[in-house]
């Protein structure tokens, strides 16, 4: 073997070692499981935060709609209660004896129910 051939072989071996070291280093980065897990967990955390934020916005929207509907129902109920009270007042004015009898019956029923409840203790 000549010196030039031996030097060429050594140079070739050195280049092969460098390429192999570089390849091993790249594989190590790709196979770095803890790093990949951290990256994946961070991504999952971001997705979870976005989902929670979206759910919060949707919940606020639903609560807002429910509040408006509750106000509407309360308003309608208030109007109806006034109408019933007005109608009842008109009927009492037209027939006060019937109203008095109805009131007395209601008081009697209430008193009887109270007496029965206390007696059953």
PDB file of N, CA and C in Angstrom:
ATOM      1  N   UNK A   1       0.824  -1.160   0.000  1.00  0.00           N
ATOM      2  CA  UNK A   1       0.000   0.000   0.000  1.00  0.00           C
ATOM      3  C   UNK A   1       0.881   1.241   0.000  1.00  0.00           C
ATOM      4  N   UNK A   2       0.426   2.190  -0.755  1.00  0.00           N
ATOM      5  CA  UNK A   2       1.217   3.416  -0.796  1.00  0.00           C
ATOM      6  C   UNK A   2       0.697   4.401   0.223  1.00  0.00           C
ATOM      7  N   UNK A   3       1.551   5.418   0.508  1.00  0.00           N
ATOM      8  CA  UNK A   3       1.184   6.437   1.485  1.00  0.00           C
ATOM      9  C   UNK A   3      -0.041   7.217   1.044  1.00  0.00           C
ATOM     10  N   UNK A   4      -0.145   7.583  -0.212  1.00  0.00           N
ATOM     11  CA  UNK A   4      -1.273   8.347  -0.736  1.00  0.00           C
ATOM     12  C   UNK A   4      -2.559   7.548  -0.560  1.00  0.00           C
ATOM     13  N   UNK A   5      -2.520   6.294  -0.829  1.00  0.00           N
ATOM     14  CA  UNK A   5      -3.708   5.454  -0.702  1.00  0.00           C
ATOM     15  C   UNK A   5      -4.102   5.338   0.775  1.00  0.00           C
ATOM     16  N   UNK A   6      -3.110   5.180   1.629  1.00  0.00           N
ATOM     17  CA  UNK A   6      -3.370   5.092   3.055  1.00  0.00           C
ATOM     18  C   UNK A   6      -3.963   6.412   3.579  1.00  0.00           C
ATOM     19  N   UNK A   7      -3.440   7.509   3.138  1.00  0.00           N
ATOM     20  CA  UNK A   7      -3.957   8.818   3.557  1.00  0.00           C
ATOM     21  C   UNK A   7      -5.369   9.044   3.018  1.00  0.00           C
ATOM     22  N   UNK A   8      -5.623   8.593   1.814  1.00  0.00           N
ATOM     23  CA  UNK A   8      -6.968   8.720   1.229  1.00  0.00           C
ATOM     24  C   UNK A   8      -7.981   7.896   2.042  1.00  0.00           C
ATOM     25  N   UNK A   9      -7.531   6.694   2.425  1.00  0.00           N
ATOM     26  CA  UNK A   9      -8.418   5.822   3.211  1.00  0.00           C
ATOM     27  C   UNK A   9      -8.696   6.464   4.560  1.00  0.00           C
ATOM     28  N   UNK A  10      -7.652   7.017   5.209  1.00  0.00           N
ATOM     29  CA  UNK A  10      -7.848   7.675   6.504  1.00  0.00           C
ATOM     30  C   UNK A  10      -8.771   8.890   6.368  1.00  0.00           C
ATOM     31  N   UNK A  11      -8.603   9.650   5.346  1.00  0.00           N
ATOM     32  CA  UNK A  11      -9.449  10.823   5.113  1.00  0.00           C
ATOM     33  C   UNK A  11     -10.900  10.391   4.865  1.00  0.00           C
ATOM     34  N   UNK A  12     -11.024   9.328   4.077  1.00  0.00           N
ATOM     35  CA  UNK A  12     -12.362   8.788   3.796  1.00  0.00           C
ATOM     36  C   UNK A  12     -13.022   8.282   5.084  1.00  0.00           C
ATOM     37  N   UNK A  13     -12.240   7.588   5.929  1.00  0.00           N
ATOM     38  CA  UNK A  13     -12.749   7.102   7.214  1.00  0.00           C
ATOM     39  C   UNK A  13     -13.163   8.273   8.114  1.00  0.00           C
ATOM     40  N   UNK A  14     -12.375   9.323   8.131  1.00  0.00           N
ATOM     41  CA  UNK A  14     -12.679  10.490   8.953  1.00  0.00           C
ATOM     42  C   UNK A  14     -13.990  11.153   8.485  1.00  0.00           C
ATOM     43  N   UNK A  15     -14.162  11.284   7.186  1.00  0.00           N
ATOM     44  CA  UNK A  15     -15.405  11.855   6.645  1.00  0.00           C
ATOM     45  C   UNK A  15     -16.602  10.963   6.993  1.00  0.00           C
ATOM     46  N   UNK A  16     -16.395   9.657   6.890  1.00  0.00           N
ATOM     47  CA  UNK A  16     -17.466   8.702   7.220  1.00  0.00           C
ATOM     48  C   UNK A  16     -17.837   8.825   8.694  1.00  0.00           C
ATOM     49  N   UNK A  17     -16.819   8.955   9.576  1.00  0.00           N
ATOM     50  CA  UNK A  17     -17.090   9.125  11.003  1.00  0.00           C
ATOM     51  C   UNK A  17     -17.883  10.409  11.255  1.00  0.00           C
ATOM     52  N   UNK A  18     -17.513  11.492  10.607  1.00  0.00           N
ATOM     53  CA  UNK A  18     -18.209  12.766  10.788  1.00  0.00           C
ATOM     54  C   UNK A  18     -19.658  12.675  10.323  1.00  0.00           C
ATOM     55  N   UNK A  19     -19.873  12.051   9.156  1.00  0.00           N
ATOM     56  CA  UNK A  19     -21.244  11.875   8.650  1.00  0.00           C
ATOM     57  C   UNK A  19     -22.050  10.994   9.596  1.00  0.00           C
ATOM     58  N   UNK A  20     -21.417   9.927  10.088  1.00  0.00           N
ATOM     59  CA  UNK A  20     -22.088   9.017  11.019  1.00  0.00           C
ATOM     60  C   UNK A  20     -22.440   9.741  12.319  1.00  0.00           C
ATOM     61  N   UNK A  21     -21.523  10.553  12.819  1.00  0.00           N
ATOM     62  CA  UNK A  21     -21.781  11.313  14.052  1.00  0.00           C
ATOM     63  C   UNK A  21     -22.933  12.287  13.835  1.00  0.00           C
ATOM     64  N   UNK A  22     -22.946  12.938  12.676  1.00  0.00           N
ATOM     65  CA  UNK A  22     -24.017  13.870  12.355  1.00  0.00           C
ATOM     66  C   UNK A  22     -25.357  13.134  12.257  1.00  0.00           C
ATOM     67  N   UNK A  23     -25.342  11.975  11.625  1.00  0.00           N
ATOM     68  CA  UNK A  23     -26.560  11.171  11.485  1.00  0.00           C
ATOM     69  C   UNK A  23     -27.071  10.712  12.847  1.00  0.00           C
ATOM     70  N   UNK A  24     -26.163  10.258  13.706  1.00  0.00           N
ATOM     71  CA  UNK A  24     -26.541   9.817  15.043  1.00  0.00           C
ATOM     72  C   UNK A  24     -27.124  10.986  15.831  1.00  0.00           C
ATOM     73  N   UNK A  25     -26.543  12.168  15.680  1.00  0.00           N
ATOM     74  CA  UNK A  25     -27.029  13.363  16.362  1.00  0.00           C
ATOM     75  C   UNK A  25     -28.451  13.709  15.893  1.00  0.00           C
ATOM     76  N   UNK A  26     -28.685  13.644  14.588  1.00  0.00           N
ATOM     77  CA  UNK A  26     -30.023  13.922  14.051  1.00  0.00           C
ATOM     78  C   UNK A  26     -31.041  12.902  14.556  1.00  0.00           C
ATOM     79  N   UNK A  27     -30.653  11.645  14.569  1.00  0.00           N
ATOM     80  CA  UNK A  27     -31.547  10.595  15.080  1.00  0.00           C
ATOM     81  C   UNK A  27     -31.861  10.827  16.559  1.00  0.00           C
ATOM     82  N   UNK A  28     -30.866  11.242  17.292  1.00  0.00           N
ATOM     83  CA  UNK A  28     -31.062  11.520  18.718  1.00  0.00           C
ATOM     84  C   UNK A  28     -32.082  12.629  18.931  1.00  0.00           C
ATOM     85  N   UNK A  29     -32.018  13.682  18.102  1.00  0.00           N
ATOM     86  CA  UNK A  29     -32.994  14.773  18.212  1.00  0.00           C
ATOM     87  C   UNK A  29     -34.393  14.273  17.868  1.00  0.00           C
ATOM     88  N   UNK A  30     -34.482  13.437  16.834  1.00  0.00           N
ATOM     89  CA  UNK A  30     -35.795  12.919  16.434  1.00  0.00           C
ATOM     90  C   UNK A  30     -36.360  11.960  17.469  1.00  0.00           C
ATOM     91  N   UNK A  31     -35.486  11.232  18.143  1.00  0.00           N
ATOM     92  CA  UNK A  31     -35.933  10.256  19.114  1.00  0.00           C
ATOM     93  C   UNK A  31     -35.975  10.807  20.540  1.00  0.00           C
ATOM     94  N   UNK A  32     -35.788  12.106  20.688  1.00  0.00           N
ATOM     95  CA  UNK A  32     -35.805  12.738  21.999  1.00  0.00           C
ATOM     96  C   UNK A  32     -37.245  12.728  22.521  1.00  0.00           C
ATOM     97  N   UNK A  33     -37.629  11.631  23.152  1.00  0.00           N
ATOM     98  CA  UNK A  33     -38.999  11.420  23.603  1.00  0.00           C
ATOM     99  C   UNK A  33     -39.439  12.479  24.624  1.00  0.00           C
ATOM    100  N   UNK A  34     -38.640  12.804  25.637  1.00  0.00           N
ATOM    101  CA  UNK A  34     -39.093  13.828  26.586  1.00  0.00           C
ATOM    102  C   UNK A  34     -39.426  15.155  25.893  1.00  0.00           C
ATOM    103  N   UNK A  35     -38.611  15.552  24.937  1.00  0.00           N
ATOM    104  CA  UNK A  35     -38.869  16.798  24.220  1.00  0.00           C
ATOM    105  C   UNK A  35     -40.159  16.686  23.408  1.00  0.00           C
ATOM    106  N   UNK A  36     -40.347  15.564  22.746  1.00  0.00           N
ATOM    107  CA  UNK A  36     -41.555  15.365  21.948  1.00  0.00           C
ATOM    108  C   UNK A  36     -42.793  15.344  22.841  1.00  0.00           C
ATOM    109  N   UNK A  37     -42.667  14.753  24.032  1.00  0.00           N
ATOM    110  CA  UNK A  37     -43.798  14.708  24.967  1.00  0.00           C
ATOM    111  C   UNK A  37     -44.138  16.124  25.436  1.00  0.00           C
ATOM    112  N   UNK A  38     -43.097  16.909  25.765  1.00  0.00           N
ATOM    113  CA  UNK A  38     -43.329  18.287  26.199  1.00  0.00           C
ATOM    114  C   UNK A  38     -44.027  19.081  25.098  1.00  0.00           C
ATOM    115  N   UNK A  39     -43.565  18.929  23.880  1.00  0.00           N
ATOM    116  CA  UNK A  39     -44.149  19.643  22.754  1.00  0.00           C
ATOM    117  C   UNK A  39     -45.606  19.225  22.564  1.00  0.00           C
ATOM    118  N   UNK A  40     -45.851  17.935  22.636  1.00  0.00           N
ATOM    119  CA  UNK A  40     -47.212  17.418  22.475  1.00  0.00           C
ATOM    120  C   UNK A  40     -48.115  17.894  23.607  1.00  0.00           C
ATOM    121  N   UNK A  41     -47.606  17.883  24.834  1.00  0.00           N
ATOM    122  CA  UNK A  41     -48.389  18.332  25.984  1.00  0.00           C
ATOM    123  C   UNK A  41     -48.698  19.822  25.878  1.00  0.00           C
ATOM    124  N   UNK A  42     -47.740  20.596  25.447  1.00  0.00           N
ATOM    125  CA  UNK A  42     -47.968  22.033  25.280  1.00  0.00           C
ATOM    126  C   UNK A  42     -49.053  22.279  24.236  1.00  0.00           C
ATOM    127  N   UNK A  43     -48.999  21.521  23.160  1.00  0.00           N
ATOM    128  CA  UNK A  43     -50.010  21.653  22.115  1.00  0.00           C
ATOM    129  C   UNK A  43     -51.390  21.261  22.644  1.00  0.00           C
ATOM    130  N   UNK A  44     -51.458  20.179  23.404  1.00  0.00           N
ATOM    131  CA  UNK A  44     -52.728  19.745  23.988  1.00  0.00           C
ATOM    132  C   UNK A  44     -53.244  20.790  24.976  1.00  0.00           C
ATOM    133  N   UNK A  45     -52.350  21.381  25.748  1.00  0.00           N
ATOM    134  CA  UNK A  45     -52.744  22.442  26.681  1.00  0.00           C
ATOM    135  C   UNK A  45     -53.323  23.638  25.959  1.00  0.00           C
ATOM    136  N   UNK A  46     -52.698  24.020  24.859  1.00  0.00           N
ATOM    137  CA  UNK A  46     -53.221  25.136  24.066  1.00  0.00           C
ATOM    138  C   UNK A  46     -54.617  24.828  23.545  1.00  0.00           C
ATOM    139  N   UNK A  47     -54.799  23.602  23.042  1.00  0.00           N
ATOM    140  CA  UNK A  47     -56.113  23.213  22.532  1.00  0.00           C
ATOM    141  C   UNK A  47     -57.152  23.229  23.657  1.00  0.00           C
ATOM    142  N   UNK A  48     -56.768  22.762  24.835  1.00  0.00           N
ATOM    143  CA  UNK A  48     -57.688  22.737  25.977  1.00  0.00           C
ATOM    144  C   UNK A  48     -58.061  24.160  26.403  1.00  0.00           C
ATOM    145  N   UNK A  49     -57.078  25.064  26.421  1.00  0.00           N
ATOM    146  CA  UNK A  49     -57.367  26.454  26.784  1.00  0.00           C
ATOM    147  C   UNK A  49     -58.329  27.092  25.783  1.00  0.00           C
ATOM    148  N   UNK A  50     -58.106  26.823  24.503  1.00  0.00           N
ATOM    149  CA  UNK A  50     -59.002  27.376  23.485  1.00  0.00           C
ATOM    150  C   UNK A  50     -60.416  26.797  23.634  1.00  0.00           C
ATOM    151  N   UNK A  51     -60.509  25.504  23.896  1.00  0.00           N
ATOM    152  CA  UNK A  51     -61.820  24.870  24.077  1.00  0.00           C
ATOM    153  C   UNK A  51     -62.528  25.450  25.291  1.00  0.00           C
ATOM    154  N   UNK A  52     -61.791  25.660  26.374  1.00  0.00           N
ATOM    155  CA  UNK A  52     -62.388  26.237  27.590  1.00  0.00           C
ATOM    156  C   UNK A  52     -62.859  27.662  27.330  1.00  0.00           C
ATOM    157  N   UNK A  53     -62.064  28.405  26.597  1.00  0.00           N
ATOM    158  CA  UNK A  53     -62.441  29.779  26.268  1.00  0.00           C
ATOM    159  C   UNK A  53     -63.705  29.799  25.409  1.00  0.00           C
ATOM    160  N   UNK A  54     -63.757  28.916  24.414  1.00  0.00           N
ATOM    161  CA  UNK A  54     -64.945  28.829  23.556  1.00  0.00           C
ATOM    162  C   UNK A  54     -66.172  28.441  24.382  1.00  0.00           C
ATOM    163  N   UNK A  55     -65.996  27.486  25.306  1.00  0.00           N
ATOM    164  CA  UNK A  55     -67.118  27.053  26.144  1.00  0.00           C
ATOM    165  C   UNK A  55     -67.593  28.196  27.040  1.00  0.00           C
ATOM    166  N   UNK A  56     -66.670  28.993  27.546  1.00  0.00           N
ATOM    167  CA  UNK A  56     -67.033  30.137  28.386  1.00  0.00           C
ATOM    168  C   UNK A  56     -67.852  31.149  27.589  1.00  0.00           C
ATOM    169  N   UNK A  57     -67.416  31.424  26.378  1.00  0.00           N
ATOM    170  CA  UNK A  57     -68.142  32.374  25.527  1.00  0.00           C
ATOM    171  C   UNK A  57     -69.547  31.849  25.248  1.00  0.00           C
ATOM    172  N   UNK A  58     -69.629  30.547  24.919  1.00  0.00           N
ATOM    173  CA  UNK A  58     -70.950  29.966  24.635  1.00  0.00           C
ATOM    174  C   UNK A  58     -71.840  30.017  25.880  1.00  0.00           C
ATOM    175  N   UNK A  59     -71.273  29.720  27.047  1.00  0.00           N
ATOM    176  CA  UNK A  59     -72.057  29.747  28.291  1.00  0.00           C
ATOM    177  C   UNK A  59     -72.565  31.153  28.574  1.00  0.00           C
ATOM    178  N   UNK A  60     -71.732  32.152  28.344  1.00  0.00           N
ATOM    179  CA  UNK A  60     -72.167  33.542  28.548  1.00  0.00           C
ATOM    180  C   UNK A  60     -73.307  33.894  27.594  1.00  0.00           C
ATOM    181  N   UNK A  61     -73.187  33.451  26.342  1.00  0.00           N
ATOM    182  CA  UNK A  61     -74.244  33.713  25.372  1.00  0.00           C
ATOM    183  C   UNK A  61     -75.563  33.066  25.809  1.00  0.00           C
ATOM    184  N   UNK A  62     -75.485  31.810  26.248  1.00  0.00           N
ATOM    185  CA  UNK A  62     -76.687  31.103  26.699  1.00  0.00           C
ATOM    186  C   UNK A  62     -77.279  31.799  27.921  1.00  0.00           C
ATOM    187  N   UNK A  63     -76.430  32.202  28.854  1.00  0.00           N
ATOM    188  CA  UNK A  63     -76.912  32.891  30.060  1.00  0.00           C
ATOM    189  C   UNK A  63     -77.578  34.210  29.693  1.00  0.00           C
ATOM    190  N   UNK A  64     -77.013  34.910  28.736  1.00  0.00           N
ATOM    191  CA  UNK A  64     -77.588  36.187  28.305  1.00  0.00           C
ATOM    192  C   UNK A  64     -78.968  35.973  27.697  1.00  0.00           C
ATOM    193  N   UNK A  65     -79.087  34.973  26.832  1.00  0.00           N
ATOM    194  CA  UNK A  65     -80.381  34.676  26.215  1.00  0.00           C
ATOM    195  C   UNK A  65     -81.383  34.249  27.287  1.00  0.00           C
ATOM    196  N   UNK A  66     -80.937  33.420  28.235  1.00  0.00           N
ATOM    197  CA  UNK A  66     -81.825  32.961  29.302  1.00  0.00           C
ATOM    198  C   UNK A  66     -82.292  34.134  30.155  1.00  0.00           C
ATOM    199  N   UNK A  67     -81.419  35.089  30.422  1.00  0.00           N
ATOM    200  CA  UNK A  67     -81.788  36.269  31.205  1.00  0.00           C
ATOM    201  C   UNK A  67     -82.856  37.082  30.493  1.00  0.00           C
ATOM    202  N   UNK A  68     -82.675  37.282  29.209  1.00  0.00           N
ATOM    203  CA  UNK A  68     -83.656  38.048  28.430  1.00  0.00           C
ATOM    204  C   UNK A  68     -85.001  37.324  28.436  1.00  0.00           C
ATOM    205  N   UNK A  69     -84.959  36.004  28.236  1.00  0.00           N
ATOM    206  CA  UNK A  69     -86.212  35.241  28.233  1.00  0.00           C
ATOM    207  C   UNK A  69     -86.885  35.281  29.604  1.00  0.00           C
ATOM    208  N   UNK A  70     -86.097  35.167  30.673  1.00  0.00           N
ATOM    209  CA  UNK A  70     -86.667  35.217  32.024  1.00  0.00           C
ATOM    210  C   UNK A  70     -87.325  36.565  32.278  1.00  0.00           C
ATOM    211  N   UNK A  71     -86.685  37.637  31.822  1.00  0.00           N
ATOM    212  CA  UNK A  71     -87.286  38.968  31.982  1.00  0.00           C
ATOM    213  C   UNK A  71     -88.599  39.060  31.215  1.00  0.00           C
ATOM    214  N   UNK A  72     -88.615  38.509  30.001  1.00  0.00           N
ATOM    215  CA  UNK A  72     -89.839  38.525  29.200  1.00  0.00           C
ATOM    216  C   UNK A  72     -90.956  37.753  29.900  1.00  0.00           C
ATOM    217  N   UNK A  73     -90.630  36.567  30.411  1.00  0.00           N
ATOM    218  CA  UNK A  73     -91.632  35.751  31.107  1.00  0.00           C
ATOM    219  C   UNK A  73     -92.131  36.476  32.348  1.00  0.00           C
ATOM    220  N   UNK A  74     -91.218  37.074  33.105  1.00  0.00           N
ATOM    221  CA  UNK A  74     -91.612  37.804  34.317  1.00  0.00           C
ATOM    222  C   UNK A  74     -92.519  38.978  33.965  1.00  0.00           C
ATOM    223  N   UNK A  75     -92.208  39.651  32.879  1.00  0.00           N
ATOM    224  CA  UNK A  75     -93.023  40.789  32.455  1.00  0.00           C
ATOM    225  C   UNK A  75     -94.429  40.331  32.083  1.00  0.00           C
ATOM    226  N   UNK A  76     -94.515  39.247  31.314  1.00  0.00           N
ATOM    227  CA  UNK A  76     -95.818  38.712  30.915  1.00  0.00           C
ATOM    228  C   UNK A  76     -96.590  38.251  32.152  1.00  0.00           C
ATOM    229  N   UNK A  77     -95.903  37.570  33.076  1.00  0.00           N
ATOM    230  CA  UNK A  77     -96.561  37.105  34.302  1.00  0.00           C
ATOM    231  C   UNK A  77     -97.076  38.279  35.123  1.00  0.00           C
ATOM    232  N   UNK A  78     -96.303  39.344  35.184  1.00  0.00           N
ATOM    233  CA  UNK A  78     -96.714  40.525  35.936  1.00  0.00           C
ATOM    234  C   UNK A  78     -97.978  41.137  35.330  1.00  0.00           C
ATOM    235  N   UNK A  79     -98.007  41.240  34.017  1.00  0.00           N
ATOM    236  CA  UNK A  79     -99.179  41.799  33.339  1.00  0.00           C
ATOM    237  C   UNK A  79    -100.393  40.922  33.593  1.00  0.00           C
ATOM    238  N   UNK A  80    -100.211  39.613  33.498  1.00  0.00           N
ATOM    239  CA  UNK A  80    -101.336  38.689  33.718  1.00  0.00           C
ATOM    240  C   UNK A  80    -101.822  38.757  35.170  1.00  0.00           C
ATOM    241  N   UNK A  81    -100.878  38.849  36.118  1.00  0.00           N
ATOM    242  CA  UNK A  81    -101.265  38.946  37.531  1.00  0.00           C
ATOM    243  C   UNK A  81    -102.077  40.207  37.773  1.00  0.00           C
ATOM    244  N   UNK A  82    -101.672  41.324  37.164  1.00  0.00           N
ATOM    245  CA  UNK A  82    -102.436  42.572  37.305  1.00  0.00           C
ATOM    246  C   UNK A  82    -103.844  42.422  36.716  1.00  0.00           C
ATOM    247  N   UNK A  83    -103.915  41.735  35.572  1.00  0.00           N
ATOM    248  CA  UNK A  83    -105.219  41.512  34.945  1.00  0.00           C
ATOM    249  C   UNK A  83    -106.129  40.676  35.844  1.00  0.00           C
ATOM    250  N   UNK A  84    -105.559  39.595  36.418  1.00  0.00           N
ATOM    251  CA  UNK A  84    -106.344  38.733  37.302  1.00  0.00           C
ATOM    252  C   UNK A  84    -106.786  39.511  38.537  1.00  0.00           C
ATOM    253  N   UNK A  85    -105.869  40.280  39.111  1.00  0.00           N
ATOM    254  CA  UNK A  85    -106.220  41.072  40.300  1.00  0.00           C
ATOM    255  C   UNK A  85    -107.300  42.088  39.965  1.00  0.00           C
ATOM    256  N   UNK A  86    -107.192  42.705  38.813  1.00  0.00           N
ATOM    257  CA  UNK A  86    -108.184  43.684  38.395  1.00  0.00           C
ATOM    258  C   UNK A  86    -109.538  43.015  38.188  1.00  0.00           C
ATOM    259  N   UNK A  87    -109.524  41.857  37.531  1.00  0.00           N
ATOM    260  CA  UNK A  87    -110.762  41.121  37.294  1.00  0.00           C
ATOM    261  C   UNK A  87    -111.375  40.673  38.616  1.00  0.00           C
ATOM    262  N   UNK A  88    -110.544  40.165  39.523  1.00  0.00           N
ATOM    263  CA  UNK A  88    -111.041  39.732  40.830  1.00  0.00           C
ATOM    264  C   UNK A  88    -111.613  40.917  41.592  1.00  0.00           C
ATOM    265  N   UNK A  89    -110.936  42.038  41.541  1.00  0.00           N
ATOM    266  CA  UNK A  89    -111.430  43.248  42.207  1.00  0.00           C
ATOM    267  C   UNK A  89    -112.775  43.670  41.649  1.00  0.00           C
ATOM    268  N   UNK A  90    -112.925  43.612  40.328  1.00  0.00           N
ATOM    269  CA  UNK A  90    -114.199  43.965  39.698  1.00  0.00           C
ATOM    270  C   UNK A  90    -115.309  43.019  40.161  1.00  0.00           C
ATOM    271  N   UNK A  91    -114.992  41.732  40.219  1.00  0.00           N
ATOM    272  CA  UNK A  91    -116.005  40.755  40.630  1.00  0.00           C
ATOM    273  C   UNK A  91    -116.396  40.948  42.094  1.00  0.00           C
ATOM    274  N   UNK A  92    -115.409  41.264  42.944  1.00  0.00           N
ATOM    275  CA  UNK A  92    -115.705  41.497  44.356  1.00  0.00           C
ATOM    276  C   UNK A  92    -116.597  42.723  44.503  1.00  0.00           C
ATOM    277  N   UNK A  93    -116.329  43.776  43.749  1.00  0.00           N
ATOM    278  CA  UNK A  93    -117.147  44.988  43.814  1.00  0.00           C
ATOM    279  C   UNK A  93    -118.579  44.715  43.351  1.00  0.00           C
ATOM    280  N   UNK A  94    -118.714  43.834  42.337  1.00  0.00           N
ATOM    281  CA  UNK A  94    -120.057  43.529  41.832  1.00  0.00           C
ATOM    282  C   UNK A  94    -120.828  42.589  42.761  1.00  0.00           C
ATOM    283  N   UNK A  95    -120.105  41.680  43.442  1.00  0.00           N
ATOM    284  CA  UNK A  95    -120.773  40.701  44.285  1.00  0.00           C
ATOM    285  C   UNK A  95    -119.985  40.520  45.589  1.00  0.00           C
ATOM    286  N   UNK A  96    -120.041  41.440  46.505  1.00  0.00           N
ATOM    287  CA  UNK A  96    -119.236  41.387  47.727  1.00  0.00           C
ATOM    288  C   UNK A  96    -119.626  40.237  48.646  1.00  0.00           C
ATOM    289  N   UNK A  97    -120.900  39.815  48.625  1.00  0.00           N
ATOM    290  CA  UNK A  97    -121.312  38.706  49.498  1.00  0.00           C
ATOM    291  C   UNK A  97    -120.632  37.409  49.076  1.00  0.00           C
ATOM    292  N   UNK A  98    -120.580  37.128  47.786  1.00  0.00           N
ATOM    293  CA  UNK A  98    -119.938  35.901  47.283  1.00  0.00           C
ATOM    294  C   UNK A  98    -118.448  35.917  47.614  1.00  0.00           C
ATOM    295  N   UNK A  99    -117.829  37.080  47.522  1.00  0.00           N
ATOM    296  CA  UNK A  99    -116.407  37.193  47.847  1.00  0.00           C
ATOM    297  C   UNK A  99    -116.181  36.934  49.327  1.00  0.00           C
ATOM    298  N   UNK A 100    -117.078  37.451  50.164  1.00  0.00           N
ATOM    299  CA  UNK A 100    -116.936  37.244  51.605  1.00  0.00           C
ATOM    300  C   UNK A 100    -117.105  35.769  51.942  1.00  0.00           C
ATOM    301  N   UNK A 101    -118.075  35.126  51.307  1.00  0.00           N
ATOM    302  CA  UNK A 101    -118.293  33.697  51.550  1.00  0.00           C
ATOM    303  C   UNK A 101    -117.079  32.901  51.070  1.00  0.00           C
ATOM    304  N   UNK A 102    -116.572  33.240  49.907  1.00  0.00           N
ATOM    305  CA  UNK A 102    -115.384  32.548  49.372  1.00  0.00           C
ATOM    306  C   UNK A 102    -114.186  32.735  50.282  1.00  0.00           C
ATOM    307  N   UNK A 103    -114.024  33.949  50.809  1.00  0.00           N
ATOM    308  CA  UNK A 103    -112.916  34.212  51.726  1.00  0.00           C
ATOM    309  C   UNK A 103    -113.066  33.427  53.008  1.00  0.00           C
ATOM    310  N   UNK A 104    -114.296  33.361  53.509  1.00  0.00           N
ATOM    311  CA  UNK A 104    -114.547  32.615  54.746  1.00  0.00           C
ATOM    312  C   UNK A 104    -114.285  31.129  54.539  1.00  0.00           C
ATOM    313  N   UNK A 105    -114.683  30.621  53.397  1.00  0.00           N
ATOM    314  CA  UNK A 105    -114.425  29.204  53.093  1.00  0.00           C
ATOM    315  C   UNK A 105    -112.917  28.957  53.024  1.00  0.00           C
ATOM    316  N   UNK A 106    -112.192  29.849  52.384  1.00  0.00           N
ATOM    317  CA  UNK A 106    -110.735  29.688  52.268  1.00  0.00           C
ATOM    318  C   UNK A 106    -110.079  29.708  53.642  1.00  0.00           C
ATOM    319  N   UNK A 107    -110.520  30.612  54.505  1.00  0.00           N
ATOM    320  CA  UNK A 107    -109.962  30.688  55.855  1.00  0.00           C
ATOM    321  C   UNK A 107    -110.304  29.413  56.620  1.00  0.00           C
ATOM    322  N   UNK A 108    -111.540  28.926  56.472  1.00  0.00           N
ATOM    323  CA  UNK A 108    -111.950  27.700  57.149  1.00  0.00           C
ATOM    324  C   UNK A 108    -111.150  26.495  56.693  1.00  0.00           C
ATOM    325  N   UNK A 109    -110.930  26.389  55.402  1.00  0.00           N
ATOM    326  CA  UNK A 109    -110.133  25.278  54.869  1.00  0.00           C
ATOM    327  C   UNK A 109    -108.700  25.367  55.393  1.00  0.00           C
ATOM    328  N   UNK A 110    -108.142  26.553  55.389  1.00  0.00           N
ATOM    329  CA  UNK A 110    -106.780  26.731  55.902  1.00  0.00           C
ATOM    330  C   UNK A 110    -106.684  26.375  57.377  1.00  0.00           C
ATOM    331  N   UNK A 111    -107.653  26.812  58.157  1.00  0.00           N
ATOM    332  CA  UNK A 111    -107.649  26.511  59.598  1.00  0.00           C
ATOM    333  C   UNK A 111    -107.799  25.010  59.825  1.00  0.00           C
ATOM    334  N   UNK A 112    -108.691  24.377  59.061  1.00  0.00           N
ATOM    335  CA  UNK A 112    -108.878  22.933  59.201  1.00  0.00           C
ATOM    336  C   UNK A 112    -107.628  22.159  58.840  1.00  0.00           C
ATOM    337  N   UNK A 113    -106.951  22.577  57.789  1.00  0.00           N
ATOM    338  CA  UNK A 113    -105.717  21.902  57.371  1.00  0.00           C
ATOM    339  C   UNK A 113    -104.635  22.064  58.429  1.00  0.00           C
ATOM    340  N   UNK A 114    -104.571  23.259  59.027  1.00  0.00           N
ATOM    341  CA  UNK A 114    -103.584  23.501  60.079  1.00  0.00           C
ATOM    342  C   UNK A 114    -103.887  22.629  61.303  1.00  0.00           C
ATOM    343  N   UNK A 115    -105.167  22.571  61.686  1.00  0.00           N
ATOM    344  CA  UNK A 115    -105.567  21.760  62.832  1.00  0.00           C
ATOM    345  C   UNK A 115    -105.237  20.294  62.610  1.00  0.00           C
ATOM    346  N   UNK A 116    -105.524  19.784  61.396  1.00  0.00           N
ATOM    347  CA  UNK A 116    -105.217  18.386  61.076  1.00  0.00           C
ATOM    348  C   UNK A 116    -103.708  18.119  61.089  1.00  0.00           C
ATOM    349  N   UNK A 117    -102.965  19.061  60.574  1.00  0.00           N
ATOM    350  CA  UNK A 117    -101.508  18.893  60.533  1.00  0.00           C
ATOM    351  C   UNK A 117    -100.926  18.863  61.941  1.00  0.00           C
ATOM    352  N   UNK A 118    -101.412  19.733  62.828  1.00  0.00           N
ATOM    353  CA  UNK A 118    -100.907  19.769  64.192  1.00  0.00           C
ATOM    354  C   UNK A 118    -101.368  18.557  64.989  1.00  0.00           C
ATOM    355  N   UNK A 119    -102.551  18.100  64.745  1.00  0.00           N
ATOM    356  CA  UNK A 119    -103.100  16.928  65.441  1.00  0.00           C
ATOM    357  C   UNK A 119    -102.326  15.654  65.072  1.00  0.00           C
ATOM    358  N   UNK A 120    -101.835  15.606  63.836  1.00  0.00           N
ATOM    359  CA  UNK A 120    -101.118  14.420  63.367  1.00  0.00           C
ATOM    360  C   UNK A 120     -99.691  14.330  63.854  1.00  0.00           C
ATOM    361  N   UNK A 121     -99.214  15.280  64.595  1.00  0.00           N
ATOM    362  CA  UNK A 121     -97.815  15.274  65.053  1.00  0.00           C
ATOM    363  C   UNK A 121     -97.533  14.134  65.935  1.00  0.00           C
TER     364      UNK A 121
END
